[in-house]
Amino acid sequence: MDDQNEFLLQRFHGQEVVLDLESMYVCVGTLLEADHRYLVLEQADLHDLRDTSTTRERYILDSKVHGVRANRERVLINRSQVVGLSLLDDVIA
C-alpha cells in the first residue's frame, strides 16, 4: 500500500465503517487493520443482501440507528472487492 492510501485510511482506523462490496454483500464493523490486500474489521456484520428483501441503503441506515449487529469477531475483506468505504457516522439518515 502506498503512503497516500495509508494516509487516506488513517482517519478510519478504530472507527465503525461501512464497506460496500461488488457482490451482494455489505460489511459493517470497526476497521482494525489494512494492508495492500485486505481490510480487517472486528465486531463486524457481514451481511448477504440476497437473504433479505431489505435494500443495501436501508440495511446500512438500520445499522446506524440500531447499532452494528456483529456476526463475526473478525473478518478480512479483499480490497479488490470494495467499491466504497465510509464511516458509519457519515451515513445520512
N, C-alpha and C. Protein backbone atom coordinates (compact mmCIF):
# COMPACT_ATOMS: atom_id res chain seq x y z
N MET A 1 0.85 -1.16 0.00
CA MET A 1 0.00 0.00 0.00
C MET A 1 0.90 1.23 0.00
N ASP A 2 0.59 2.19 -0.87
CA ASP A 2 1.44 3.37 -0.91
C ASP A 2 1.07 4.35 0.21
N ASP A 3 1.94 5.32 0.41
CA ASP A 3 1.77 6.27 1.53
C ASP A 3 0.48 7.06 1.42
N GLN A 4 0.07 7.42 0.20
CA GLN A 4 -1.16 8.20 0.01
C GLN A 4 -2.38 7.40 0.47
N ASN A 5 -2.47 6.13 0.10
CA ASN A 5 -3.59 5.29 0.52
C ASN A 5 -3.60 5.12 2.03
N GLU A 6 -2.43 4.92 2.62
CA GLU A 6 -2.34 4.76 4.07
C GLU A 6 -2.81 6.02 4.77
N PHE A 7 -2.41 7.17 4.24
CA PHE A 7 -2.84 8.45 4.81
C PHE A 7 -4.36 8.59 4.75
N LEU A 8 -4.96 8.21 3.63
CA LEU A 8 -6.41 8.32 3.49
C LEU A 8 -7.15 7.39 4.46
N LEU A 9 -6.58 6.22 4.72
CA LEU A 9 -7.24 5.26 5.61
C LEU A 9 -7.05 5.57 7.09
N GLN A 10 -6.06 6.37 7.44
CA GLN A 10 -5.76 6.63 8.86
C GLN A 10 -6.97 7.11 9.64
N ARG A 11 -7.77 7.98 9.07
CA ARG A 11 -8.90 8.52 9.82
C ARG A 11 -10.00 7.47 10.07
N PHE A 12 -9.93 6.36 9.36
CA PHE A 12 -10.93 5.30 9.51
C PHE A 12 -10.54 4.26 10.55
N HIS A 13 -9.25 4.16 10.88
CA HIS A 13 -8.79 3.15 11.83
C HIS A 13 -9.45 3.34 13.20
N GLY A 14 -9.97 2.25 13.74
CA GLY A 14 -10.62 2.28 15.05
C GLY A 14 -12.04 2.81 15.01
N GLN A 15 -12.54 3.11 13.83
CA GLN A 15 -13.89 3.66 13.67
C GLN A 15 -14.81 2.60 13.05
N GLU A 16 -16.11 2.75 13.31
CA GLU A 16 -17.09 1.89 12.64
C GLU A 16 -17.24 2.36 11.20
N VAL A 17 -17.06 1.40 10.28
CA VAL A 17 -17.10 1.71 8.86
C VAL A 17 -18.11 0.84 8.13
N VAL A 18 -18.48 1.30 6.96
CA VAL A 18 -19.33 0.54 6.03
C VAL A 18 -18.48 0.23 4.81
N LEU A 19 -18.44 -1.04 4.43
CA LEU A 19 -17.79 -1.46 3.20
C LEU A 19 -18.87 -1.91 2.23
N ASP A 20 -19.03 -1.17 1.16
CA ASP A 20 -19.91 -1.60 0.07
C ASP A 20 -19.06 -2.46 -0.85
N LEU A 21 -19.53 -3.67 -1.11
CA LEU A 21 -18.76 -4.63 -1.89
C LEU A 21 -19.38 -4.82 -3.26
N GLU A 22 -18.56 -5.27 -4.22
CA GLU A 22 -19.04 -5.52 -5.58
C GLU A 22 -20.17 -6.53 -5.59
N SER A 23 -20.10 -7.48 -4.72
CA SER A 23 -21.09 -8.55 -4.64
C SER A 23 -22.34 -8.08 -3.90
N MET A 24 -23.20 -8.98 -3.62
CA MET A 24 -24.43 -8.69 -2.88
C MET A 24 -24.19 -8.71 -1.37
N TYR A 25 -22.98 -8.38 -0.96
CA TYR A 25 -22.64 -8.31 0.45
C TYR A 25 -22.35 -6.87 0.84
N VAL A 26 -22.62 -6.58 2.11
CA VAL A 26 -22.20 -5.33 2.72
C VAL A 26 -21.60 -5.71 4.07
N CYS A 27 -20.59 -4.96 4.49
CA CYS A 27 -19.94 -5.27 5.75
C CYS A 27 -19.85 -4.00 6.59
N VAL A 28 -20.26 -4.12 7.85
CA VAL A 28 -20.22 -3.00 8.79
C VAL A 28 -19.46 -3.48 10.02
N GLY A 29 -18.48 -2.70 10.44
CA GLY A 29 -17.71 -3.07 11.62
C GLY A 29 -16.62 -2.06 11.89
N THR A 30 -15.77 -2.36 12.85
CA THR A 30 -14.69 -1.47 13.24
C THR A 30 -13.43 -1.82 12.48
N LEU A 31 -12.88 -0.84 11.75
CA LEU A 31 -11.66 -1.07 10.97
C LEU A 31 -10.48 -1.23 11.92
N LEU A 32 -9.88 -2.40 11.88
CA LEU A 32 -8.77 -2.73 12.78
C LEU A 32 -7.42 -2.53 12.09
N GLU A 33 -7.30 -3.06 10.87
CA GLU A 33 -6.04 -3.02 10.14
C GLU A 33 -6.33 -2.94 8.65
N ALA A 34 -5.27 -2.58 7.91
CA ALA A 34 -5.34 -2.58 6.45
C ALA A 34 -3.95 -2.84 5.91
N ASP A 35 -3.88 -3.64 4.85
CA ASP A 35 -2.63 -3.80 4.14
C ASP A 35 -2.93 -3.73 2.65
N HIS A 36 -1.98 -4.10 1.82
CA HIS A 36 -2.16 -3.97 0.38
C HIS A 36 -3.26 -4.89 -0.17
N ARG A 37 -3.64 -5.93 0.58
CA ARG A 37 -4.62 -6.89 0.08
C ARG A 37 -5.94 -6.89 0.85
N TYR A 38 -5.89 -6.68 2.16
CA TYR A 38 -7.09 -6.84 2.99
C TYR A 38 -7.38 -5.63 3.86
N LEU A 39 -8.66 -5.47 4.16
CA LEU A 39 -9.13 -4.62 5.23
C LEU A 39 -9.62 -5.57 6.31
N VAL A 40 -9.23 -5.35 7.55
CA VAL A 40 -9.60 -6.23 8.65
C VAL A 40 -10.58 -5.46 9.54
N LEU A 41 -11.76 -6.03 9.72
CA LEU A 41 -12.77 -5.43 10.59
C LEU A 41 -13.02 -6.36 11.76
N GLU A 42 -13.28 -5.78 12.93
CA GLU A 42 -13.66 -6.57 14.09
C GLU A 42 -15.07 -6.19 14.50
N GLN A 43 -15.69 -7.10 15.27
CA GLN A 43 -17.09 -6.91 15.68
C GLN A 43 -17.90 -6.48 14.46
N ALA A 44 -17.81 -7.31 13.42
CA ALA A 44 -18.35 -6.97 12.11
C ALA A 44 -19.64 -7.73 11.80
N ASP A 45 -20.45 -7.08 10.99
CA ASP A 45 -21.65 -7.70 10.42
C ASP A 45 -21.41 -7.85 8.93
N LEU A 46 -21.15 -9.08 8.49
CA LEU A 46 -21.02 -9.39 7.07
C LEU A 46 -22.38 -9.90 6.63
N HIS A 47 -23.05 -9.10 5.83
CA HIS A 47 -24.46 -9.37 5.51
C HIS A 47 -24.65 -9.66 4.03
N ASP A 48 -25.29 -10.79 3.74
CA ASP A 48 -25.63 -11.18 2.38
C ASP A 48 -27.02 -10.62 2.07
N LEU A 49 -27.07 -9.65 1.16
CA LEU A 49 -28.34 -8.99 0.84
C LEU A 49 -29.32 -9.90 0.11
N ARG A 50 -28.84 -11.04 -0.38
CA ARG A 50 -29.76 -12.00 -1.02
C ARG A 50 -30.65 -12.69 0.00
N ASP A 51 -30.26 -12.60 1.29
CA ASP A 51 -31.03 -13.26 2.35
C ASP A 51 -32.18 -12.43 2.88
N THR A 52 -32.40 -11.25 2.32
CA THR A 52 -33.42 -10.36 2.84
C THR A 52 -34.00 -9.51 1.72
N SER A 53 -35.16 -8.96 1.94
CA SER A 53 -35.75 -8.05 0.96
C SER A 53 -35.34 -6.60 1.22
N THR A 54 -34.58 -6.38 2.28
CA THR A 54 -34.12 -5.05 2.63
C THR A 54 -33.07 -4.56 1.63
N THR A 55 -33.14 -3.30 1.24
CA THR A 55 -32.14 -2.74 0.34
C THR A 55 -30.83 -2.51 1.08
N ARG A 56 -29.77 -2.35 0.35
CA ARG A 56 -28.45 -2.05 0.92
C ARG A 56 -28.52 -0.77 1.75
N GLU A 57 -29.15 0.26 1.19
CA GLU A 57 -29.24 1.55 1.88
C GLU A 57 -30.02 1.44 3.19
N ARG A 58 -31.13 0.71 3.15
CA ARG A 58 -31.95 0.54 4.36
C ARG A 58 -31.18 -0.24 5.42
N TYR A 59 -30.47 -1.27 5.00
CA TYR A 59 -29.71 -2.09 5.94
C TYR A 59 -28.63 -1.27 6.63
N ILE A 60 -27.93 -0.47 5.85
CA ILE A 60 -26.87 0.38 6.41
C ILE A 60 -27.46 1.42 7.36
N LEU A 61 -28.56 2.03 6.97
CA LEU A 61 -29.21 3.02 7.83
C LEU A 61 -29.68 2.37 9.13
N ASP A 62 -30.24 1.17 9.06
CA ASP A 62 -30.65 0.45 10.27
C ASP A 62 -29.45 0.17 11.17
N SER A 63 -28.31 -0.12 10.58
CA SER A 63 -27.09 -0.36 11.37
C SER A 63 -26.67 0.91 12.10
N LYS A 64 -26.85 2.05 11.44
CA LYS A 64 -26.51 3.31 12.09
C LYS A 64 -27.46 3.60 13.24
N VAL A 65 -28.74 3.42 13.01
CA VAL A 65 -29.76 3.76 14.00
C VAL A 65 -29.76 2.78 15.18
N HIS A 66 -29.65 1.48 14.89
CA HIS A 66 -29.80 0.45 15.93
C HIS A 66 -28.48 -0.16 16.40
N GLY A 67 -27.39 0.21 15.75
CA GLY A 67 -26.10 -0.36 16.10
C GLY A 67 -25.74 -1.55 15.22
N VAL A 68 -24.46 -1.85 15.18
CA VAL A 68 -23.95 -2.96 14.37
C VAL A 68 -24.33 -4.27 15.05
N ARG A 69 -24.94 -5.17 14.29
CA ARG A 69 -25.31 -6.49 14.79
C ARG A 69 -24.22 -7.48 14.36
N ALA A 70 -23.15 -7.51 15.13
CA ALA A 70 -21.97 -8.29 14.75
C ALA A 70 -22.29 -9.78 14.67
N ASN A 71 -21.81 -10.40 13.58
CA ASN A 71 -21.89 -11.84 13.44
C ASN A 71 -20.51 -12.45 13.19
N ARG A 72 -19.47 -11.60 13.27
CA ARG A 72 -18.09 -12.03 13.13
C ARG A 72 -17.23 -11.28 14.14
N GLU A 73 -16.38 -12.00 14.85
CA GLU A 73 -15.40 -11.34 15.73
C GLU A 73 -14.42 -10.55 14.89
N ARG A 74 -13.97 -11.17 13.79
CA ARG A 74 -13.00 -10.54 12.90
C ARG A 74 -13.23 -11.08 11.49
N VAL A 75 -13.13 -10.19 10.50
CA VAL A 75 -13.30 -10.60 9.10
C VAL A 75 -12.28 -9.85 8.25
N LEU A 76 -11.70 -10.57 7.28
CA LEU A 76 -10.79 -9.98 6.31
C LEU A 76 -11.56 -9.80 5.01
N ILE A 77 -11.55 -8.59 4.48
CA ILE A 77 -12.24 -8.29 3.23
C ILE A 77 -11.18 -7.95 2.19
N ASN A 78 -11.22 -8.64 1.06
CA ASN A 78 -10.28 -8.38 -0.01
C ASN A 78 -10.55 -6.99 -0.59
N ARG A 79 -9.54 -6.15 -0.60
CA ARG A 79 -9.70 -4.76 -1.04
C ARG A 79 -10.19 -4.66 -2.48
N SER A 80 -9.87 -5.65 -3.30
CA SER A 80 -10.30 -5.61 -4.70
C SER A 80 -11.82 -5.71 -4.84
N GLN A 81 -12.50 -6.16 -3.79
CA GLN A 81 -13.96 -6.30 -3.83
C GLN A 81 -14.69 -5.06 -3.30
N VAL A 82 -13.95 -4.12 -2.73
CA VAL A 82 -14.55 -2.94 -2.11
C VAL A 82 -14.77 -1.85 -3.15
N VAL A 83 -16.02 -1.39 -3.24
CA VAL A 83 -16.32 -0.28 -4.15
C VAL A 83 -16.52 1.02 -3.38
N GLY A 84 -16.72 0.92 -2.07
CA GLY A 84 -16.88 2.11 -1.25
C GLY A 84 -16.60 1.82 0.20
N LEU A 85 -16.00 2.80 0.87
CA LEU A 85 -15.72 2.72 2.30
C LEU A 85 -16.09 4.06 2.90
N SER A 86 -16.91 4.03 3.94
CA SER A 86 -17.29 5.27 4.62
C SER A 86 -17.43 5.01 6.11
N LEU A 87 -17.34 6.07 6.88
CA LEU A 87 -17.63 5.95 8.30
C LEU A 87 -19.13 5.73 8.47
N LEU A 88 -19.48 4.89 9.42
CA LEU A 88 -20.90 4.68 9.69
C LEU A 88 -21.53 5.99 10.14
N ASP A 89 -20.76 6.81 10.86
CA ASP A 89 -21.27 8.13 11.28
C ASP A 89 -21.57 9.06 10.11
N ASP A 90 -20.98 8.81 8.95
CA ASP A 90 -21.21 9.66 7.78
C ASP A 90 -22.45 9.27 6.98
N VAL A 91 -23.10 8.16 7.37
CA VAL A 91 -24.34 7.76 6.70
C VAL A 91 -25.41 8.79 7.01
N ILE A 92 -26.07 9.26 5.97
CA ILE A 92 -27.09 10.30 6.12
C ILE A 92 -28.45 9.64 6.30
N ALA A 93 -29.10 10.03 7.38
CA ALA A 93 -30.43 9.46 7.69
C ALA A 93 -31.51 10.17 6.90
